């Protein structure tokens, strides 16, 4: 069935694919979470789209220029490639309403939990199946994004995930699944798709 649509997993970046260390000022400090490369490769091998959707307010806050976000995403792609994995596409939101840098400081429809990045990905990729979509992340906003776009939401315990579960960060949310890490998240997703 060549015309069959691909299931799609929308992946958060920091704390989900790479180790959460706050705002990453040095590109080489971005390191994959153990098993993340192999987890993404499993999605690739099963024909499931893997799409990055990440809030990156560092530019709006004036911590670094927008091209630094691009460099970090490029490093992530390179580290995944080293493990034989790839992302089908990359989307980021540099906006923050109360930011310092005027060009990025406004209310937008792409900052998670708003669904703008998902909507753009679905518009750019008609082959993606919105009916079989998942959002994986370590924040309440990732699970809320899933709710907002009719996807299944997976909260990983890496990054801020543990603090979200304890009610110490953002707010508690009802995820469809709580995973130890991206590795367990991908295994669960593939079971749902079988």
N, C-alpha and C. Protein backbone atom coordinates (compact mmCIF):
# COMPACT_ATOMS: atom_id res chain seq x y z
N UNK A 1 0.86 -1.20 0.00
CA UNK A 1 0.00 0.00 0.00
C UNK A 1 0.89 1.25 0.00
N UNK A 2 1.23 1.72 -1.14
CA UNK A 2 2.14 2.87 -1.23
C UNK A 2 1.49 4.16 -0.71
N UNK A 3 0.16 4.22 -0.76
CA UNK A 3 -0.52 5.46 -0.37
C UNK A 3 -0.85 5.51 1.12
N UNK A 4 -0.43 4.50 1.87
CA UNK A 4 -0.76 4.45 3.30
C UNK A 4 -0.01 5.55 4.04
N UNK A 5 -0.74 6.27 4.89
CA UNK A 5 -0.09 7.36 5.62
C UNK A 5 0.80 6.81 6.74
N UNK A 6 1.84 7.62 7.07
CA UNK A 6 2.79 7.21 8.10
C UNK A 6 2.34 7.69 9.47
N UNK A 7 2.38 6.81 10.49
CA UNK A 7 2.19 7.31 11.85
C UNK A 7 3.33 8.30 12.16
N UNK A 8 3.11 9.20 13.09
CA UNK A 8 4.12 10.22 13.38
C UNK A 8 4.27 10.43 14.88
N UNK A 9 5.53 10.55 15.29
CA UNK A 9 5.85 10.85 16.69
C UNK A 9 6.52 12.22 16.74
N UNK A 10 5.88 13.12 17.48
CA UNK A 10 6.44 14.46 17.68
C UNK A 10 7.28 14.42 18.95
N UNK A 11 8.56 14.70 18.79
CA UNK A 11 9.52 14.55 19.88
C UNK A 11 9.99 15.90 20.39
N UNK A 12 9.96 16.05 21.70
CA UNK A 12 10.60 17.19 22.35
C UNK A 12 12.11 16.99 22.26
N UNK A 13 12.88 18.04 22.49
CA UNK A 13 14.34 17.91 22.39
C UNK A 13 14.99 17.77 23.77
N UNK A 14 15.10 18.89 24.48
CA UNK A 14 15.84 18.92 25.75
C UNK A 14 15.13 18.10 26.82
N UNK A 15 15.85 17.16 27.41
CA UNK A 15 15.27 16.33 28.46
C UNK A 15 14.55 15.11 27.92
N UNK A 16 14.40 15.06 26.58
CA UNK A 16 13.72 13.92 25.95
C UNK A 16 14.71 13.18 25.05
N UNK A 17 15.32 13.90 24.10
CA UNK A 17 16.33 13.29 23.23
C UNK A 17 17.74 13.56 23.75
N UNK A 18 17.97 14.79 24.23
CA UNK A 18 19.28 15.11 24.79
C UNK A 18 19.17 15.44 26.27
N UNK A 19 20.30 15.33 26.95
CA UNK A 19 20.37 15.54 28.39
C UNK A 19 19.98 16.99 28.71
N UNK A 20 19.09 17.15 29.71
CA UNK A 20 18.63 18.48 30.14
C UNK A 20 19.72 19.14 30.98
N UNK A 21 20.26 20.25 30.48
CA UNK A 21 21.26 20.99 31.27
C UNK A 21 20.91 22.48 31.30
N UNK A 22 19.64 22.80 31.10
CA UNK A 22 19.26 24.21 31.04
C UNK A 22 19.56 24.75 29.65
N UNK A 23 19.75 26.06 29.54
CA UNK A 23 20.03 26.66 28.23
C UNK A 23 21.43 26.27 27.81
N UNK A 24 21.52 25.60 26.65
CA UNK A 24 22.81 25.07 26.20
C UNK A 24 23.56 26.16 25.45
N UNK A 25 24.60 26.68 26.08
CA UNK A 25 25.34 27.80 25.47
C UNK A 25 26.46 27.33 24.57
N UNK A 26 26.99 26.14 24.84
CA UNK A 26 28.05 25.58 23.99
C UNK A 26 27.46 24.41 23.22
N UNK A 27 27.56 24.46 21.92
CA UNK A 27 26.96 23.45 21.06
C UNK A 27 27.42 22.04 21.46
N UNK A 28 28.73 21.91 21.77
CA UNK A 28 29.26 20.57 22.07
C UNK A 28 28.73 20.01 23.39
N UNK A 29 28.06 20.84 24.20
CA UNK A 29 27.47 20.34 25.45
C UNK A 29 26.18 19.56 25.22
N UNK A 30 25.63 19.62 24.01
CA UNK A 30 24.42 18.84 23.72
C UNK A 30 24.81 17.38 23.56
N UNK A 31 24.30 16.53 24.45
CA UNK A 31 24.60 15.10 24.43
C UNK A 31 23.30 14.30 24.45
N UNK A 32 23.25 13.25 23.66
CA UNK A 32 22.05 12.40 23.63
C UNK A 32 21.85 11.69 24.96
N UNK A 33 20.60 11.51 25.33
CA UNK A 33 20.24 10.65 26.45
C UNK A 33 20.56 9.22 26.02
N UNK A 34 21.03 8.41 26.96
CA UNK A 34 21.39 7.04 26.64
C UNK A 34 20.22 6.30 25.97
N UNK A 35 20.49 5.73 24.82
CA UNK A 35 19.48 4.96 24.11
C UNK A 35 18.62 5.76 23.15
N UNK A 36 18.75 7.11 23.18
CA UNK A 36 17.89 7.95 22.34
C UNK A 36 18.10 7.69 20.85
N UNK A 37 19.36 7.54 20.44
CA UNK A 37 19.65 7.29 19.03
C UNK A 37 19.02 6.00 18.54
N UNK A 38 19.15 4.94 19.34
CA UNK A 38 18.58 3.65 18.97
C UNK A 38 17.06 3.70 18.98
N UNK A 39 16.48 4.48 19.90
CA UNK A 39 15.02 4.61 19.97
C UNK A 39 14.49 5.27 18.70
N UNK A 40 15.14 6.35 18.27
CA UNK A 40 14.71 7.03 17.04
C UNK A 40 14.91 6.10 15.84
N UNK A 41 16.01 5.35 15.84
CA UNK A 41 16.27 4.40 14.75
C UNK A 41 15.15 3.36 14.66
N UNK A 42 14.64 2.91 15.81
CA UNK A 42 13.52 1.95 15.82
C UNK A 42 12.31 2.53 15.10
N UNK A 43 12.03 3.82 15.36
CA UNK A 43 10.92 4.49 14.66
C UNK A 43 11.20 4.51 13.16
N UNK A 44 12.44 4.92 12.80
CA UNK A 44 12.83 4.98 11.39
C UNK A 44 12.63 3.62 10.72
N UNK A 45 13.11 2.57 11.38
CA UNK A 45 13.07 1.23 10.80
C UNK A 45 11.63 0.72 10.62
N UNK A 46 10.71 1.19 11.46
CA UNK A 46 9.31 0.76 11.38
C UNK A 46 8.47 1.67 10.47
N UNK A 47 9.11 2.66 9.85
CA UNK A 47 8.38 3.56 8.96
C UNK A 47 7.50 4.55 9.70
N UNK A 48 7.88 4.86 10.94
CA UNK A 48 7.15 5.85 11.74
C UNK A 48 7.93 7.16 11.67
N UNK A 49 7.25 8.24 11.29
CA UNK A 49 7.93 9.54 11.18
C UNK A 49 8.35 10.02 12.57
N UNK A 50 9.55 10.59 12.66
CA UNK A 50 10.07 11.17 13.91
C UNK A 50 10.32 12.65 13.64
N UNK A 51 9.56 13.50 14.31
CA UNK A 51 9.61 14.94 14.03
C UNK A 51 9.91 15.70 15.32
N UNK A 52 10.92 16.55 15.25
CA UNK A 52 11.27 17.37 16.42
C UNK A 52 10.34 18.57 16.51
N UNK A 53 9.75 18.79 17.69
CA UNK A 53 8.97 20.01 17.97
C UNK A 53 9.47 20.53 19.31
N UNK A 54 10.17 21.66 19.28
CA UNK A 54 10.84 22.12 20.49
C UNK A 54 10.65 23.61 20.73
N UNK A 55 10.29 23.95 21.96
CA UNK A 55 10.26 25.36 22.39
C UNK A 55 11.69 25.76 22.69
N UNK A 56 12.16 26.83 22.07
CA UNK A 56 13.53 27.30 22.30
C UNK A 56 13.51 28.81 22.52
N UNK A 57 13.28 29.19 23.78
CA UNK A 57 13.11 30.62 24.08
C UNK A 57 14.43 31.34 24.34
N UNK A 58 15.53 30.62 24.24
CA UNK A 58 16.83 31.25 24.50
C UNK A 58 17.08 32.48 23.64
N UNK A 59 16.61 32.44 22.39
CA UNK A 59 16.79 33.60 21.49
C UNK A 59 15.93 34.77 21.96
N UNK A 60 14.68 34.49 22.32
CA UNK A 60 13.78 35.55 22.79
C UNK A 60 14.29 36.17 24.10
N UNK A 61 14.92 35.33 24.92
CA UNK A 61 15.44 35.80 26.21
C UNK A 61 16.76 36.55 26.06
N UNK A 62 17.33 36.52 24.83
CA UNK A 62 18.58 37.22 24.59
C UNK A 62 19.80 36.44 25.06
N UNK A 63 19.65 35.13 25.28
CA UNK A 63 20.78 34.32 25.74
C UNK A 63 21.75 34.01 24.61
N UNK A 64 21.21 33.90 23.40
CA UNK A 64 22.03 33.62 22.22
C UNK A 64 21.22 33.92 20.98
N UNK A 65 21.90 34.09 19.82
CA UNK A 65 21.16 34.39 18.58
C UNK A 65 20.39 33.16 18.08
N UNK A 66 19.44 33.41 17.18
CA UNK A 66 18.62 32.32 16.65
C UNK A 66 19.46 31.24 15.98
N UNK A 67 20.56 31.64 15.33
CA UNK A 67 21.36 30.63 14.62
C UNK A 67 22.00 29.62 15.58
N UNK A 68 22.09 29.97 16.87
CA UNK A 68 22.59 29.01 17.86
C UNK A 68 21.59 27.85 18.03
N UNK A 69 20.30 28.15 17.96
CA UNK A 69 19.26 27.10 18.02
C UNK A 69 19.47 26.15 16.84
N UNK A 70 19.71 26.72 15.66
CA UNK A 70 19.94 25.92 14.45
C UNK A 70 21.17 25.03 14.62
N UNK A 71 22.24 25.60 15.22
CA UNK A 71 23.47 24.83 15.44
C UNK A 71 23.23 23.68 16.41
N UNK A 72 22.45 23.92 17.45
CA UNK A 72 22.13 22.85 18.41
C UNK A 72 21.32 21.75 17.74
N UNK A 73 20.34 22.15 16.93
CA UNK A 73 19.53 21.15 16.22
C UNK A 73 20.39 20.35 15.24
N UNK A 74 21.36 21.04 14.59
CA UNK A 74 22.26 20.35 13.66
C UNK A 74 23.11 19.32 14.39
N UNK A 75 23.57 19.70 15.60
CA UNK A 75 24.37 18.75 16.39
C UNK A 75 23.51 17.54 16.77
N UNK A 76 22.28 17.77 17.16
CA UNK A 76 21.37 16.67 17.50
C UNK A 76 21.23 15.73 16.31
N UNK A 77 21.01 16.30 15.12
CA UNK A 77 20.85 15.50 13.90
C UNK A 77 22.11 14.69 13.62
N UNK A 78 23.28 15.31 13.83
CA UNK A 78 24.57 14.62 13.60
C UNK A 78 24.74 13.46 14.59
N UNK A 79 24.42 13.71 15.87
CA UNK A 79 24.56 12.65 16.88
C UNK A 79 23.62 11.48 16.59
N UNK A 80 22.41 11.80 16.13
CA UNK A 80 21.47 10.73 15.76
C UNK A 80 22.01 9.97 14.55
N UNK A 81 22.53 10.72 13.57
CA UNK A 81 23.05 10.10 12.35
C UNK A 81 24.19 9.13 12.68
N UNK A 82 25.01 9.50 13.67
CA UNK A 82 26.11 8.63 14.09
C UNK A 82 25.59 7.28 14.58
N UNK A 83 24.33 7.24 15.00
CA UNK A 83 23.72 5.99 15.48
C UNK A 83 22.77 5.39 14.44
N UNK A 84 22.86 5.92 13.20
CA UNK A 84 22.04 5.38 12.12
C UNK A 84 20.60 5.83 12.15
N UNK A 85 20.32 6.93 12.89
CA UNK A 85 18.95 7.42 13.05
C UNK A 85 18.80 8.79 12.39
N UNK A 86 17.55 9.15 12.08
CA UNK A 86 17.30 10.46 11.48
C UNK A 86 15.94 11.00 11.92
N UNK A 87 15.80 12.32 11.80
CA UNK A 87 14.52 12.98 12.03
C UNK A 87 13.90 13.29 10.67
N UNK A 88 12.58 13.10 10.56
CA UNK A 88 11.90 13.41 9.30
C UNK A 88 11.77 14.91 9.08
N UNK A 89 11.74 15.67 10.16
CA UNK A 89 11.73 17.12 10.05
C UNK A 89 11.96 17.74 11.42
N UNK A 90 12.24 19.03 11.42
CA UNK A 90 12.58 19.75 12.65
C UNK A 90 11.80 21.06 12.69
N UNK A 91 11.12 21.30 13.81
CA UNK A 91 10.39 22.56 14.02
C UNK A 91 10.76 23.10 15.39
N UNK A 92 10.93 24.40 15.46
CA UNK A 92 11.20 25.00 16.78
C UNK A 92 10.45 26.31 16.89
N UNK A 93 10.13 26.67 18.13
CA UNK A 93 9.49 27.95 18.41
C UNK A 93 10.45 28.79 19.22
N UNK A 94 10.93 29.92 18.67
CA UNK A 94 11.86 30.78 19.40
C UNK A 94 11.16 31.87 20.20
N UNK A 95 9.83 31.85 20.22
CA UNK A 95 9.07 32.99 20.76
C UNK A 95 8.80 32.89 22.25
N UNK A 96 8.69 34.06 22.85
CA UNK A 96 8.29 34.17 24.26
C UNK A 96 7.69 35.56 24.43
N UNK A 97 6.42 35.59 24.82
CA UNK A 97 5.71 36.87 24.88
C UNK A 97 6.46 37.89 25.73
N UNK A 98 7.01 37.44 26.88
CA UNK A 98 7.70 38.39 27.77
C UNK A 98 9.21 38.37 27.57
N UNK A 99 9.65 38.05 26.32
CA UNK A 99 11.08 37.99 26.03
C UNK A 99 11.74 39.36 26.01
N UNK A 100 13.06 39.35 25.80
CA UNK A 100 13.88 40.57 25.77
C UNK A 100 14.14 41.04 24.33
N UNK A 101 14.17 40.10 23.40
CA UNK A 101 14.52 40.42 22.02
C UNK A 101 13.23 40.63 21.24
N UNK A 102 13.06 41.87 20.75
CA UNK A 102 11.78 42.29 20.18
C UNK A 102 11.25 41.37 19.09
N UNK A 103 12.12 40.94 18.16
CA UNK A 103 11.63 40.16 17.01
C UNK A 103 11.05 38.80 17.41
N UNK A 104 11.38 38.32 18.62
CA UNK A 104 10.87 37.02 19.08
C UNK A 104 9.87 37.15 20.22
N UNK A 105 9.62 38.38 20.68
CA UNK A 105 8.81 38.56 21.89
C UNK A 105 7.37 38.93 21.57
N UNK A 106 6.58 37.90 21.30
CA UNK A 106 5.16 38.09 21.04
C UNK A 106 4.44 36.77 21.29
N UNK A 107 3.14 36.86 21.48
CA UNK A 107 2.33 35.64 21.64
C UNK A 107 2.21 34.99 20.27
N UNK A 108 2.45 33.68 20.22
CA UNK A 108 2.42 32.98 18.93
C UNK A 108 1.50 31.77 19.06
N UNK A 109 1.31 31.09 17.95
CA UNK A 109 0.49 29.87 18.01
C UNK A 109 1.36 28.62 17.90
N UNK A 110 2.69 28.80 18.02
CA UNK A 110 3.57 27.63 17.88
C UNK A 110 4.21 27.20 19.19
N UNK A 111 4.19 28.05 20.21
CA UNK A 111 4.80 27.67 21.48
C UNK A 111 3.96 26.59 22.16
N UNK A 112 4.56 25.42 22.40
CA UNK A 112 3.83 24.36 23.08
C UNK A 112 3.31 24.88 24.43
N UNK A 113 2.08 24.57 24.81
CA UNK A 113 1.20 23.52 24.30
C UNK A 113 0.32 23.91 23.10
N UNK A 114 0.50 25.11 22.53
CA UNK A 114 -0.24 25.45 21.31
C UNK A 114 0.21 24.50 20.19
N UNK A 115 -0.67 24.28 19.22
CA UNK A 115 -0.42 23.21 18.25
C UNK A 115 0.21 23.67 16.94
N UNK A 116 0.70 24.90 16.88
CA UNK A 116 1.22 25.45 15.64
C UNK A 116 2.30 24.62 14.95
N UNK A 117 3.26 24.09 15.72
CA UNK A 117 4.34 23.30 15.09
C UNK A 117 3.79 22.00 14.51
N UNK A 118 2.85 21.38 15.23
CA UNK A 118 2.24 20.14 14.75
C UNK A 118 1.42 20.43 13.48
N UNK A 119 0.65 21.51 13.51
CA UNK A 119 -0.15 21.88 12.34
C UNK A 119 0.75 22.12 11.13
N UNK A 120 1.87 22.80 11.35
CA UNK A 120 2.79 23.08 10.24
C UNK A 120 3.37 21.77 9.71
N UNK A 121 3.77 20.88 10.60
CA UNK A 121 4.32 19.59 10.17
C UNK A 121 3.30 18.81 9.36
N UNK A 122 2.06 18.79 9.81
CA UNK A 122 1.02 18.05 9.09
C UNK A 122 0.72 18.69 7.73
N UNK A 123 0.82 20.02 7.66
CA UNK A 123 0.62 20.72 6.38
C UNK A 123 1.79 20.45 5.43
N UNK A 124 3.02 20.47 5.98
CA UNK A 124 4.22 20.23 5.17
C UNK A 124 4.32 18.79 4.71
N UNK A 125 3.75 17.88 5.48
CA UNK A 125 3.90 16.44 5.20
C UNK A 125 2.54 15.76 5.13
N UNK A 126 1.87 15.84 3.99
CA UNK A 126 0.56 15.20 3.86
C UNK A 126 0.61 13.69 4.07
N UNK A 127 1.83 13.13 4.04
CA UNK A 127 1.95 11.67 4.26
C UNK A 127 1.83 11.29 5.73
N UNK A 128 1.88 12.27 6.64
CA UNK A 128 1.77 11.97 8.07
C UNK A 128 0.31 11.71 8.44
N UNK A 129 0.10 10.74 9.30
CA UNK A 129 -1.23 10.36 9.73
C UNK A 129 -1.55 10.97 11.09
N UNK A 130 -2.32 12.06 11.09
CA UNK A 130 -2.67 12.74 12.33
C UNK A 130 -3.46 11.83 13.27
N UNK A 131 -4.18 10.86 12.68
CA UNK A 131 -4.98 9.92 13.49
C UNK A 131 -4.09 8.97 14.29
N UNK A 132 -2.88 8.75 13.80
CA UNK A 132 -1.93 7.88 14.50
C UNK A 132 -0.70 8.70 14.85
N UNK A 133 -0.92 9.67 15.76
CA UNK A 133 0.18 10.55 16.14
C UNK A 133 0.39 10.52 17.66
N UNK A 134 1.62 10.79 18.04
CA UNK A 134 2.04 10.74 19.43
C UNK A 134 2.93 11.96 19.71
N UNK A 135 2.91 12.42 20.95
CA UNK A 135 3.84 13.46 21.39
C UNK A 135 4.61 12.90 22.58
N UNK A 136 5.94 12.99 22.52
CA UNK A 136 6.78 12.51 23.60
C UNK A 136 7.59 13.67 24.14
N UNK A 137 7.51 13.88 25.46
CA UNK A 137 8.30 14.95 26.06
C UNK A 137 8.38 14.81 27.57
N UNK A 138 9.16 15.72 28.17
CA UNK A 138 9.40 15.65 29.62
C UNK A 138 8.65 16.74 30.38
N UNK A 139 7.78 17.47 29.69
CA UNK A 139 7.07 18.57 30.36
C UNK A 139 5.57 18.41 30.22
N UNK A 140 4.86 19.05 31.14
CA UNK A 140 3.40 19.06 31.09
C UNK A 140 2.93 19.63 29.75
N UNK A 141 3.65 20.65 29.25
CA UNK A 141 3.25 21.28 27.99
C UNK A 141 3.30 20.31 26.81
N UNK A 142 4.17 19.30 26.88
CA UNK A 142 4.24 18.29 25.81
C UNK A 142 2.98 17.43 25.82
N UNK A 143 2.55 17.01 27.02
CA UNK A 143 1.34 16.20 27.13
C UNK A 143 0.11 17.04 26.76
N UNK A 144 0.13 18.32 27.17
CA UNK A 144 -0.99 19.21 26.81
C UNK A 144 -1.04 19.42 25.30
N UNK A 145 0.12 19.50 24.65
CA UNK A 145 0.15 19.61 23.18
C UNK A 145 -0.54 18.38 22.58
N UNK A 146 -0.23 17.20 23.11
CA UNK A 146 -0.87 15.97 22.62
C UNK A 146 -2.38 16.09 22.74
N UNK A 147 -2.86 16.53 23.91
CA UNK A 147 -4.31 16.69 24.11
C UNK A 147 -4.88 17.69 23.11
N UNK A 148 -4.14 18.78 22.86
CA UNK A 148 -4.62 19.86 21.98
C UNK A 148 -4.69 19.46 20.51
N UNK A 149 -3.95 18.42 20.14
CA UNK A 149 -3.98 18.04 18.71
C UNK A 149 -4.47 16.62 18.51
N UNK A 150 -5.09 16.04 19.53
CA UNK A 150 -5.69 14.72 19.37
C UNK A 150 -4.69 13.58 19.25
N UNK A 151 -3.47 13.82 19.76
CA UNK A 151 -2.44 12.77 19.74
C UNK A 151 -2.41 12.07 21.10
N UNK A 152 -1.70 10.96 21.16
CA UNK A 152 -1.47 10.32 22.45
C UNK A 152 -0.20 10.96 23.05
N UNK A 153 -0.28 11.28 24.35
CA UNK A 153 0.84 11.96 25.00
C UNK A 153 1.63 11.03 25.90
N UNK A 154 2.95 11.04 25.72
CA UNK A 154 3.85 10.22 26.54
C UNK A 154 4.76 11.16 27.32
N UNK A 155 4.75 11.01 28.64
CA UNK A 155 5.64 11.80 29.50
C UNK A 155 6.83 10.92 29.88
N UNK A 156 8.04 11.39 29.57
CA UNK A 156 9.24 10.66 29.98
C UNK A 156 9.73 11.21 31.31
N UNK A 157 10.35 10.32 32.11
CA UNK A 157 10.81 10.72 33.45
C UNK A 157 12.16 11.42 33.41
N UNK A 158 12.81 11.41 32.23
CA UNK A 158 14.09 12.11 32.09
C UNK A 158 13.82 13.62 32.07
N UNK A 159 14.86 14.43 32.07
CA UNK A 159 14.68 15.89 32.05
C UNK A 159 13.84 16.34 33.23
N UNK A 160 12.76 17.08 32.94
CA UNK A 160 11.87 17.58 33.99
C UNK A 160 10.73 16.61 34.32
N UNK A 161 10.70 15.47 33.64
CA UNK A 161 9.57 14.55 33.77
C UNK A 161 9.25 14.14 35.19
N UNK A 162 10.28 13.78 35.94
CA UNK A 162 10.10 13.35 37.33
C UNK A 162 9.48 14.47 38.16
N UNK A 163 9.96 15.70 37.95
CA UNK A 163 9.44 16.86 38.69
C UNK A 163 7.99 17.16 38.32
N UNK A 164 7.63 16.94 37.04
CA UNK A 164 6.24 17.12 36.61
C UNK A 164 5.35 16.10 37.32
N UNK A 165 5.81 14.85 37.37
CA UNK A 165 5.03 13.79 38.01
C UNK A 165 4.81 14.07 39.50
N UNK A 166 5.80 14.69 40.13
CA UNK A 166 5.69 15.01 41.57
C UNK A 166 4.92 16.31 41.81
N UNK A 167 4.56 17.00 40.73
CA UNK A 167 3.86 18.27 40.87
C UNK A 167 4.77 19.42 41.27
N UNK A 168 6.09 19.25 41.03
CA UNK A 168 7.07 20.28 41.42
C UNK A 168 7.43 21.20 40.25
N UNK A 169 7.04 20.84 39.04
CA UNK A 169 7.39 21.65 37.87
C UNK A 169 6.16 21.73 36.98
N UNK A 170 5.87 22.94 36.48
CA UNK A 170 4.67 23.19 35.67
C UNK A 170 3.44 22.69 36.43
N UNK A 171 2.74 21.70 35.90
CA UNK A 171 1.54 21.19 36.56
C UNK A 171 1.39 19.71 36.25
N UNK A 172 0.63 19.02 37.07
CA UNK A 172 0.40 17.59 36.82
C UNK A 172 -0.48 17.43 35.59
N UNK A 173 -0.23 16.38 34.85
CA UNK A 173 -1.01 16.10 33.64
C UNK A 173 -1.31 14.61 33.56
N UNK A 174 -2.36 14.29 32.83
CA UNK A 174 -2.70 12.89 32.58
C UNK A 174 -2.11 12.47 31.24
N UNK A 175 -0.97 11.82 31.29
CA UNK A 175 -0.36 11.31 30.06
C UNK A 175 -1.01 9.98 29.72
N UNK A 176 -1.00 9.62 28.45
CA UNK A 176 -1.49 8.30 28.04
C UNK A 176 -0.53 7.22 28.51
N UNK A 177 0.74 7.61 28.67
CA UNK A 177 1.75 6.66 29.14
C UNK A 177 2.87 7.44 29.81
N UNK A 178 3.41 6.89 30.90
CA UNK A 178 4.60 7.46 31.55
C UNK A 178 5.74 6.50 31.29
N UNK A 179 6.81 7.01 30.71
CA UNK A 179 7.94 6.17 30.32
C UNK A 179 9.19 6.57 31.10
N UNK A 180 10.03 5.58 31.38
CA UNK A 180 11.30 5.87 32.05
C UNK A 180 12.15 6.81 31.21
N UNK A 181 12.15 6.59 29.89
CA UNK A 181 12.93 7.42 28.98
C UNK A 181 12.35 7.25 27.57
N UNK A 182 12.99 7.89 26.63
CA UNK A 182 12.60 7.80 25.22
C UNK A 182 12.59 6.34 24.75
N UNK A 183 13.48 5.52 25.32
CA UNK A 183 13.58 4.11 24.92
C UNK A 183 12.26 3.39 25.20
N UNK A 184 11.78 3.52 26.44
CA UNK A 184 10.52 2.88 26.85
C UNK A 184 9.33 3.52 26.11
N UNK A 185 9.42 4.83 25.87
CA UNK A 185 8.35 5.54 25.16
C UNK A 185 8.17 4.96 23.76
N UNK A 186 9.27 4.77 23.05
CA UNK A 186 9.21 4.26 21.68
C UNK A 186 8.68 2.83 21.66
N UNK A 187 9.13 2.01 22.62
CA UNK A 187 8.64 0.63 22.68
C UNK A 187 7.11 0.61 22.87
N UNK A 188 6.62 1.49 23.75
CA UNK A 188 5.17 1.57 23.99
C UNK A 188 4.42 2.02 22.73
N UNK A 189 4.97 3.04 22.07
CA UNK A 189 4.34 3.57 20.84
C UNK A 189 4.24 2.47 19.79
N UNK A 190 5.33 1.74 19.60
CA UNK A 190 5.33 0.68 18.57
C UNK A 190 4.32 -0.42 18.92
N UNK A 191 4.14 -0.69 20.22
CA UNK A 191 3.11 -1.66 20.63
C UNK A 191 1.72 -1.15 20.27
N UNK A 192 1.49 0.15 20.48
CA UNK A 192 0.17 0.74 20.16
C UNK A 192 -0.11 0.65 18.66
N UNK A 193 0.93 0.73 17.85
CA UNK A 193 0.76 0.75 16.40
C UNK A 193 0.64 -0.65 15.81
N UNK A 194 1.05 -1.66 16.58
CA UNK A 194 0.99 -3.04 16.06
C UNK A 194 -0.44 -3.52 15.89
